């Protein structure tokens, strides 16, 4: 497979996963699997939450596609698996490290995008806040607010 097609597949899978994550977060995690997700909204300092099982659930298609693609001679499935894996890494870094501080590294990173996206996610955790289900892309209003703050200085 040509490198540019592989790159397109990786990027497409990565960005498609933001939609999958939003949809799953809104309709599954805040729906019929709320029993696994609710402890994530009740921050009590535990190292592990039932919500962490979603990491395994989301990793499964990445493992499947990467393995099946490698077994088929590194065809399109492999690159889809790599895109899903990279999304998982970005999600972990953003959500668990930067937002919730579950790993004590990279916590000093800050820019307009991160501040706006983190604010949106923290708003999602407010009681009875039924909005902001995305992970790496927040509603536009948060970016506008952050941009306005930086221009008032």
N, C-alpha and C. Protein backbone atom coordinates (compact mmCIF):
# COMPACT_ATOMS: atom_id res chain seq x y z
N UNK A 1 0.85 -1.18 0.00
CA UNK A 1 0.00 0.00 0.00
C UNK A 1 0.89 1.24 0.00
N UNK A 2 0.51 2.22 -0.79
CA UNK A 2 1.27 3.46 -0.85
C UNK A 2 1.20 4.18 0.49
N UNK A 3 2.27 4.89 0.83
CA UNK A 3 2.36 5.56 2.13
C UNK A 3 1.26 6.60 2.32
N UNK A 4 0.89 7.31 1.25
CA UNK A 4 -0.12 8.35 1.40
C UNK A 4 -1.51 7.76 1.64
N UNK A 5 -1.79 6.60 1.04
CA UNK A 5 -3.07 5.93 1.33
C UNK A 5 -3.10 5.43 2.76
N UNK A 6 -1.97 4.89 3.21
CA UNK A 6 -1.86 4.44 4.60
C UNK A 6 -2.07 5.62 5.54
N UNK A 7 -1.46 6.76 5.24
CA UNK A 7 -1.60 7.95 6.09
C UNK A 7 -3.05 8.44 6.11
N UNK A 8 -3.71 8.41 4.97
CA UNK A 8 -5.12 8.82 4.90
C UNK A 8 -5.98 7.89 5.75
N UNK A 9 -5.74 6.60 5.67
CA UNK A 9 -6.51 5.64 6.49
C UNK A 9 -6.28 5.86 7.97
N UNK A 10 -5.02 6.09 8.37
CA UNK A 10 -4.72 6.33 9.79
C UNK A 10 -5.45 7.59 10.26
N UNK A 11 -5.36 8.67 9.50
CA UNK A 11 -6.01 9.93 9.89
C UNK A 11 -7.53 9.80 9.89
N UNK A 12 -8.07 9.12 8.89
CA UNK A 12 -9.53 8.94 8.83
C UNK A 12 -10.02 8.14 10.03
N UNK A 13 -9.32 7.07 10.37
CA UNK A 13 -9.72 6.27 11.53
C UNK A 13 -9.61 7.09 12.82
N UNK A 14 -8.53 7.86 12.94
CA UNK A 14 -8.32 8.69 14.12
C UNK A 14 -9.50 9.65 14.30
N UNK A 15 -9.82 10.41 13.25
CA UNK A 15 -10.89 11.41 13.36
C UNK A 15 -12.27 10.77 13.47
N UNK A 16 -12.48 9.63 12.84
CA UNK A 16 -13.75 8.94 12.97
C UNK A 16 -13.97 8.48 14.42
N UNK A 17 -12.88 8.15 15.10
CA UNK A 17 -12.99 7.71 16.49
C UNK A 17 -13.53 8.81 17.40
N UNK A 18 -13.30 10.07 17.07
CA UNK A 18 -13.89 11.15 17.89
C UNK A 18 -15.41 11.07 17.82
N UNK A 19 -15.96 10.80 16.62
CA UNK A 19 -17.41 10.62 16.50
C UNK A 19 -17.85 9.38 17.27
N UNK A 20 -17.12 8.27 17.12
CA UNK A 20 -17.47 7.03 17.84
C UNK A 20 -17.44 7.28 19.34
N UNK A 21 -16.41 7.98 19.81
CA UNK A 21 -16.30 8.27 21.25
C UNK A 21 -17.45 9.14 21.71
N UNK A 22 -17.79 10.19 20.93
CA UNK A 22 -18.90 11.07 21.30
C UNK A 22 -20.21 10.27 21.36
N UNK A 23 -20.48 9.51 20.32
CA UNK A 23 -21.72 8.72 20.25
C UNK A 23 -21.80 7.73 21.41
N UNK A 24 -20.70 7.00 21.62
CA UNK A 24 -20.67 6.00 22.69
C UNK A 24 -20.80 6.66 24.06
N UNK A 25 -20.13 7.78 24.23
CA UNK A 25 -20.20 8.48 25.52
C UNK A 25 -21.63 8.93 25.80
N UNK A 26 -22.28 9.51 24.80
CA UNK A 26 -23.63 10.04 25.01
C UNK A 26 -24.68 8.94 25.16
N UNK A 27 -24.66 7.94 24.27
CA UNK A 27 -25.76 6.99 24.21
C UNK A 27 -25.49 5.66 24.90
N UNK A 28 -24.24 5.33 25.16
CA UNK A 28 -23.92 4.07 25.83
C UNK A 28 -23.46 4.33 27.27
N UNK A 29 -22.42 5.16 27.41
CA UNK A 29 -21.89 5.41 28.74
C UNK A 29 -22.88 6.18 29.62
N UNK A 30 -23.60 7.12 29.02
CA UNK A 30 -24.64 7.84 29.76
C UNK A 30 -26.01 7.22 29.52
N UNK A 31 -26.01 6.05 28.94
CA UNK A 31 -27.23 5.31 28.68
C UNK A 31 -27.22 4.00 29.44
N UNK A 32 -27.32 2.90 28.70
CA UNK A 32 -27.50 1.60 29.35
C UNK A 32 -26.26 1.09 30.09
N UNK A 33 -25.07 1.66 29.84
CA UNK A 33 -23.89 1.26 30.61
C UNK A 33 -23.46 2.33 31.61
N UNK A 34 -24.42 3.16 32.02
CA UNK A 34 -24.16 4.17 33.05
C UNK A 34 -23.61 3.52 34.32
N UNK A 35 -24.02 2.30 34.58
CA UNK A 35 -23.56 1.58 35.78
C UNK A 35 -22.03 1.47 35.79
N UNK A 36 -21.40 1.39 34.63
CA UNK A 36 -19.93 1.35 34.56
C UNK A 36 -19.31 2.75 34.52
N UNK A 37 -20.04 3.73 34.03
CA UNK A 37 -19.47 5.06 33.82
C UNK A 37 -19.69 6.00 35.01
N UNK A 38 -20.70 5.76 35.82
CA UNK A 38 -21.07 6.74 36.84
C UNK A 38 -19.96 6.98 37.85
N UNK A 39 -19.14 5.97 38.15
CA UNK A 39 -18.08 6.22 39.13
C UNK A 39 -17.02 7.19 38.61
N UNK A 40 -16.99 7.39 37.30
CA UNK A 40 -16.07 8.37 36.73
C UNK A 40 -16.55 9.79 37.04
N UNK A 41 -17.84 9.99 37.21
CA UNK A 41 -18.39 11.30 37.54
C UNK A 41 -18.38 11.56 39.03
N UNK A 42 -18.06 10.55 39.81
CA UNK A 42 -17.96 10.71 41.27
C UNK A 42 -16.49 10.56 41.61
N UNK A 43 -15.77 11.67 41.61
CA UNK A 43 -14.32 11.65 41.81
C UNK A 43 -14.03 11.48 43.30
N UNK A 44 -13.54 10.29 43.66
CA UNK A 44 -13.24 10.03 45.07
C UNK A 44 -11.78 9.61 45.30
N UNK A 45 -10.95 9.82 44.31
CA UNK A 45 -9.53 9.56 44.47
C UNK A 45 -9.08 8.13 44.22
N UNK A 46 -10.01 7.26 43.83
CA UNK A 46 -9.61 5.88 43.54
C UNK A 46 -8.69 5.84 42.34
N UNK A 47 -7.74 4.90 42.35
CA UNK A 47 -6.83 4.73 41.22
C UNK A 47 -7.55 4.08 40.05
N UNK A 48 -8.43 3.15 40.31
CA UNK A 48 -9.15 2.44 39.25
C UNK A 48 -10.65 2.61 39.45
N UNK A 49 -11.34 2.72 38.31
CA UNK A 49 -12.79 2.90 38.31
C UNK A 49 -13.40 1.83 37.41
N UNK A 50 -14.67 1.56 37.61
CA UNK A 50 -15.38 0.65 36.68
C UNK A 50 -15.31 1.21 35.27
N UNK A 51 -15.32 2.52 35.18
CA UNK A 51 -15.24 3.19 33.89
C UNK A 51 -14.00 2.79 33.10
N UNK A 52 -12.94 2.37 33.78
CA UNK A 52 -11.71 1.97 33.09
C UNK A 52 -11.91 0.76 32.19
N UNK A 53 -12.99 0.02 32.40
CA UNK A 53 -13.28 -1.12 31.52
C UNK A 53 -13.52 -0.65 30.08
N UNK A 54 -13.94 0.61 29.92
CA UNK A 54 -14.15 1.12 28.57
C UNK A 54 -12.85 1.17 27.77
N UNK A 55 -11.72 1.29 28.45
CA UNK A 55 -10.43 1.26 27.74
C UNK A 55 -10.25 -0.08 27.04
N UNK A 56 -10.66 -1.14 27.69
CA UNK A 56 -10.56 -2.47 27.09
C UNK A 56 -11.56 -2.61 25.94
N UNK A 57 -12.75 -2.09 26.17
CA UNK A 57 -13.78 -2.15 25.13
C UNK A 57 -13.31 -1.40 23.88
N UNK A 58 -12.76 -0.19 24.06
CA UNK A 58 -12.31 0.60 22.92
C UNK A 58 -11.03 0.06 22.30
N UNK A 59 -10.21 -0.63 23.08
CA UNK A 59 -8.96 -1.19 22.54
C UNK A 59 -9.24 -2.43 21.68
N UNK A 60 -10.33 -3.10 21.92
CA UNK A 60 -10.61 -4.35 21.20
C UNK A 60 -10.63 -4.20 19.68
N UNK A 61 -11.35 -3.20 19.12
CA UNK A 61 -11.31 -3.08 17.66
C UNK A 61 -9.92 -2.69 17.15
N UNK A 62 -9.18 -1.91 17.92
CA UNK A 62 -7.82 -1.54 17.50
C UNK A 62 -6.94 -2.78 17.41
N UNK A 63 -7.03 -3.64 18.41
CA UNK A 63 -6.25 -4.88 18.41
C UNK A 63 -6.68 -5.78 17.26
N UNK A 64 -7.98 -5.91 17.07
CA UNK A 64 -8.51 -6.76 16.01
C UNK A 64 -8.03 -6.28 14.64
N UNK A 65 -8.25 -4.99 14.34
CA UNK A 65 -7.86 -4.47 13.02
C UNK A 65 -6.35 -4.55 12.81
N UNK A 66 -5.57 -4.21 13.82
CA UNK A 66 -4.11 -4.24 13.66
C UNK A 66 -3.62 -5.67 13.43
N UNK A 67 -4.13 -6.60 14.20
CA UNK A 67 -3.71 -8.00 14.05
C UNK A 67 -4.14 -8.57 12.70
N UNK A 68 -5.41 -8.37 12.36
CA UNK A 68 -5.92 -8.92 11.10
C UNK A 68 -5.22 -8.27 9.89
N UNK A 69 -4.94 -6.98 9.99
CA UNK A 69 -4.24 -6.29 8.91
C UNK A 69 -2.81 -6.75 8.76
N UNK A 70 -2.14 -6.98 9.88
CA UNK A 70 -0.76 -7.48 9.81
C UNK A 70 -0.74 -8.89 9.24
N UNK A 71 -1.71 -9.71 9.65
CA UNK A 71 -1.78 -11.08 9.16
C UNK A 71 -2.08 -11.13 7.66
N UNK A 72 -2.73 -10.09 7.15
CA UNK A 72 -3.08 -10.04 5.72
C UNK A 72 -2.03 -9.28 4.91
N UNK A 73 -0.84 -9.14 5.46
CA UNK A 73 0.23 -8.46 4.71
C UNK A 73 0.21 -6.95 4.86
N UNK A 74 -0.24 -6.47 6.00
CA UNK A 74 -0.30 -5.03 6.28
C UNK A 74 -1.20 -4.31 5.28
N UNK A 75 -2.41 -4.82 5.17
CA UNK A 75 -3.39 -4.19 4.29
C UNK A 75 -4.10 -3.05 5.03
N UNK A 76 -5.19 -2.58 4.46
CA UNK A 76 -5.92 -1.43 4.99
C UNK A 76 -6.35 -1.59 6.45
N UNK A 77 -6.65 -2.82 6.87
CA UNK A 77 -7.09 -3.05 8.25
C UNK A 77 -6.01 -2.66 9.26
N UNK A 78 -4.77 -2.92 8.92
CA UNK A 78 -3.66 -2.57 9.81
C UNK A 78 -3.65 -1.06 10.08
N UNK A 79 -3.82 -0.26 9.06
CA UNK A 79 -3.75 1.19 9.20
C UNK A 79 -4.97 1.76 9.92
N UNK A 80 -6.11 1.12 9.75
CA UNK A 80 -7.28 1.49 10.54
C UNK A 80 -6.99 1.23 12.02
N UNK A 81 -6.42 0.08 12.32
CA UNK A 81 -6.05 -0.26 13.70
C UNK A 81 -5.06 0.72 14.29
N UNK A 82 -4.11 1.16 13.49
CA UNK A 82 -3.13 2.14 13.97
C UNK A 82 -3.82 3.47 14.27
N UNK A 83 -4.75 3.89 13.42
CA UNK A 83 -5.49 5.14 13.66
C UNK A 83 -6.30 5.08 14.94
N UNK A 84 -6.96 3.94 15.18
CA UNK A 84 -7.74 3.76 16.41
C UNK A 84 -6.81 3.78 17.61
N UNK A 85 -5.66 3.12 17.50
CA UNK A 85 -4.68 3.09 18.59
C UNK A 85 -4.16 4.49 18.90
N UNK A 86 -3.85 5.26 17.87
CA UNK A 86 -3.36 6.63 18.09
C UNK A 86 -4.43 7.49 18.75
N UNK A 87 -5.69 7.28 18.38
CA UNK A 87 -6.77 8.01 19.04
C UNK A 87 -6.81 7.62 20.52
N UNK A 88 -6.67 6.35 20.81
CA UNK A 88 -6.66 5.89 22.20
C UNK A 88 -5.53 6.53 22.99
N UNK A 89 -4.37 6.66 22.39
CA UNK A 89 -3.24 7.31 23.05
C UNK A 89 -3.53 8.79 23.29
N UNK A 90 -4.09 9.46 22.28
CA UNK A 90 -4.45 10.88 22.44
C UNK A 90 -5.52 11.04 23.51
N UNK A 91 -6.51 10.17 23.50
CA UNK A 91 -7.57 10.21 24.51
C UNK A 91 -6.99 10.03 25.90
N UNK A 92 -6.14 9.02 26.09
CA UNK A 92 -5.54 8.78 27.41
C UNK A 92 -4.74 10.00 27.86
N UNK A 93 -3.92 10.53 26.96
CA UNK A 93 -3.08 11.68 27.31
C UNK A 93 -3.95 12.88 27.68
N UNK A 94 -4.96 13.16 26.88
CA UNK A 94 -5.81 14.31 27.16
C UNK A 94 -6.70 14.07 28.38
N UNK A 95 -7.48 13.01 28.33
CA UNK A 95 -8.52 12.80 29.33
C UNK A 95 -7.96 12.38 30.69
N UNK A 96 -7.18 11.33 30.71
CA UNK A 96 -6.71 10.81 31.99
C UNK A 96 -5.54 11.60 32.57
N UNK A 97 -4.64 12.08 31.71
CA UNK A 97 -3.46 12.78 32.21
C UNK A 97 -3.75 14.26 32.42
N UNK A 98 -4.18 14.97 31.37
CA UNK A 98 -4.35 16.42 31.46
C UNK A 98 -5.61 16.84 32.21
N UNK A 99 -6.74 16.22 31.92
CA UNK A 99 -7.99 16.66 32.55
C UNK A 99 -8.11 16.14 33.97
N UNK A 100 -7.95 14.85 34.16
CA UNK A 100 -8.22 14.27 35.48
C UNK A 100 -6.96 14.00 36.30
N UNK A 101 -5.78 14.25 35.75
CA UNK A 101 -4.54 14.13 36.51
C UNK A 101 -4.27 12.75 37.06
N UNK A 102 -4.67 11.72 36.34
CA UNK A 102 -4.50 10.35 36.85
C UNK A 102 -3.09 9.82 36.66
N UNK A 103 -2.29 10.50 35.89
CA UNK A 103 -0.88 10.14 35.74
C UNK A 103 -0.09 11.45 35.85
N UNK A 104 0.91 11.49 36.72
CA UNK A 104 1.54 12.78 37.03
C UNK A 104 2.62 13.25 36.04
N UNK A 105 2.33 13.17 34.76
CA UNK A 105 3.28 13.70 33.78
C UNK A 105 2.52 14.53 32.75
N UNK A 106 3.19 15.44 32.13
CA UNK A 106 2.62 16.34 31.11
C UNK A 106 1.55 17.28 31.64
N UNK A 107 1.41 17.42 32.94
CA UNK A 107 0.32 18.23 33.47
C UNK A 107 0.55 19.73 33.34
N UNK A 108 1.70 20.15 32.94
CA UNK A 108 1.98 21.58 32.82
C UNK A 108 1.72 22.12 31.41
N UNK A 109 1.30 21.25 30.49
CA UNK A 109 1.00 21.71 29.13
C UNK A 109 -0.23 22.61 29.15
N UNK A 110 -0.17 23.68 28.39
CA UNK A 110 -1.32 24.57 28.34
C UNK A 110 -1.27 25.42 27.08
N UNK A 111 -2.36 25.47 26.38
CA UNK A 111 -2.55 26.38 25.26
C UNK A 111 -4.05 26.60 25.11
N UNK A 112 -4.44 27.47 24.19
CA UNK A 112 -5.87 27.82 24.05
C UNK A 112 -6.73 26.59 23.79
N UNK A 113 -6.26 25.72 22.87
CA UNK A 113 -7.03 24.52 22.55
C UNK A 113 -7.21 23.65 23.81
N UNK A 114 -6.11 23.38 24.52
CA UNK A 114 -6.20 22.52 25.71
C UNK A 114 -7.07 23.15 26.78
N UNK A 115 -6.89 24.44 27.06
CA UNK A 115 -7.70 25.09 28.09
C UNK A 115 -9.18 25.03 27.74
N UNK A 116 -9.53 25.30 26.49
CA UNK A 116 -10.94 25.28 26.08
C UNK A 116 -11.52 23.87 26.16
N UNK A 117 -10.78 22.89 25.68
CA UNK A 117 -11.28 21.52 25.65
C UNK A 117 -11.37 20.95 27.06
N UNK A 118 -10.41 21.27 27.90
CA UNK A 118 -10.46 20.82 29.30
C UNK A 118 -11.64 21.47 30.02
N UNK A 119 -11.87 22.75 29.80
CA UNK A 119 -13.01 23.43 30.41
C UNK A 119 -14.32 22.76 30.01
N UNK A 120 -14.45 22.44 28.73
CA UNK A 120 -15.67 21.78 28.25
C UNK A 120 -15.86 20.44 28.95
N UNK A 121 -14.77 19.68 29.10
CA UNK A 121 -14.90 18.38 29.74
C UNK A 121 -15.23 18.52 31.21
N UNK A 122 -14.62 19.47 31.88
CA UNK A 122 -14.93 19.68 33.30
C UNK A 122 -16.37 20.15 33.48
N UNK A 123 -16.88 20.95 32.53
CA UNK A 123 -18.30 21.34 32.58
C UNK A 123 -19.19 20.11 32.46
N UNK A 124 -18.77 19.15 31.65
CA UNK A 124 -19.54 17.91 31.48
C UNK A 124 -19.68 17.18 32.82
N UNK A 125 -18.71 17.34 33.70
CA UNK A 125 -18.73 16.63 34.98
C UNK A 125 -19.55 17.34 36.05
N UNK A 126 -20.07 18.51 35.75
CA UNK A 126 -20.91 19.20 36.73
C UNK A 126 -22.20 18.41 36.91
N UNK A 127 -22.81 18.50 38.10
CA UNK A 127 -24.07 17.77 38.33
C UNK A 127 -25.14 18.12 37.30
N UNK A 128 -25.80 17.12 36.81
CA UNK A 128 -26.89 17.25 35.85
C UNK A 128 -26.49 18.01 34.59
N UNK A 129 -25.24 17.86 34.18
CA UNK A 129 -24.76 18.48 32.94
C UNK A 129 -24.85 17.44 31.84
N UNK A 130 -25.86 17.57 31.01
CA UNK A 130 -26.08 16.61 29.94
C UNK A 130 -25.65 17.21 28.60
N UNK A 131 -24.36 17.53 28.51
CA UNK A 131 -23.80 18.11 27.30
C UNK A 131 -22.30 17.86 27.28
N UNK A 132 -21.65 18.24 26.20
CA UNK A 132 -20.19 18.10 26.03
C UNK A 132 -19.75 16.64 26.11
N UNK A 133 -20.19 15.83 25.18
CA UNK A 133 -19.85 14.41 25.20
C UNK A 133 -18.59 14.09 24.40
N UNK A 134 -18.05 15.04 23.67
CA UNK A 134 -16.83 14.79 22.91
C UNK A 134 -15.62 14.74 23.82
N UNK A 135 -14.50 14.29 23.26
CA UNK A 135 -13.29 14.17 24.07
C UNK A 135 -12.19 15.09 23.58
N UNK A 136 -11.90 15.09 22.32
CA UNK A 136 -10.80 15.90 21.81
C UNK A 136 -11.30 17.14 21.08
N UNK A 137 -12.59 17.19 20.81
CA UNK A 137 -13.17 18.36 20.15
C UNK A 137 -14.37 18.81 20.99
N UNK A 138 -14.28 20.03 21.48
CA UNK A 138 -15.35 20.58 22.32
C UNK A 138 -16.28 21.43 21.48
N UNK A 139 -17.43 21.79 22.03
CA UNK A 139 -18.30 22.74 21.33
C UNK A 139 -17.57 24.06 21.05
N UNK A 140 -17.89 24.67 19.94
CA UNK A 140 -17.20 25.87 19.46
C UNK A 140 -17.17 27.00 20.49
N UNK A 141 -18.21 27.12 21.31
CA UNK A 141 -18.29 28.23 22.26
C UNK A 141 -17.09 28.26 23.21
N UNK A 142 -16.54 27.11 23.57
CA UNK A 142 -15.40 27.07 24.49
C UNK A 142 -14.15 27.64 23.84
N UNK A 143 -13.97 27.37 22.57
CA UNK A 143 -12.81 27.92 21.85
C UNK A 143 -12.97 29.43 21.67
N UNK A 144 -14.20 29.88 21.36
CA UNK A 144 -14.45 31.32 21.23
C UNK A 144 -14.17 32.04 22.55
N UNK A 145 -14.64 31.46 23.66
CA UNK A 145 -14.42 32.06 24.98
C UNK A 145 -12.93 32.13 25.31
N UNK A 146 -12.21 31.07 25.03
CA UNK A 146 -10.77 31.05 25.31
C UNK A 146 -10.04 32.06 24.44
N UNK A 147 -10.41 32.16 23.19
CA UNK A 147 -9.79 33.11 22.28
C UNK A 147 -10.08 34.54 22.77
N UNK A 148 -11.32 34.80 23.20
CA UNK A 148 -11.68 36.13 23.70
C UNK A 148 -10.88 36.48 24.96
N UNK A 149 -10.70 35.53 25.86
CA UNK A 149 -9.90 35.76 27.08
C UNK A 149 -8.47 36.15 26.74
N UNK A 150 -7.89 35.47 25.78
CA UNK A 150 -6.49 35.73 25.45
C UNK A 150 -6.31 37.07 24.74
N UNK A 151 -7.37 37.59 24.12
CA UNK A 151 -7.26 38.88 23.43
C UNK A 151 -7.59 40.06 24.33
N UNK A 152 -8.13 39.79 25.52
CA UNK A 152 -8.43 40.87 26.47
C UNK A 152 -7.20 41.29 27.26
N UNK A 153 -6.18 40.44 27.25
CA UNK A 153 -4.98 40.72 28.07
C UNK A 153 -4.16 41.82 27.51
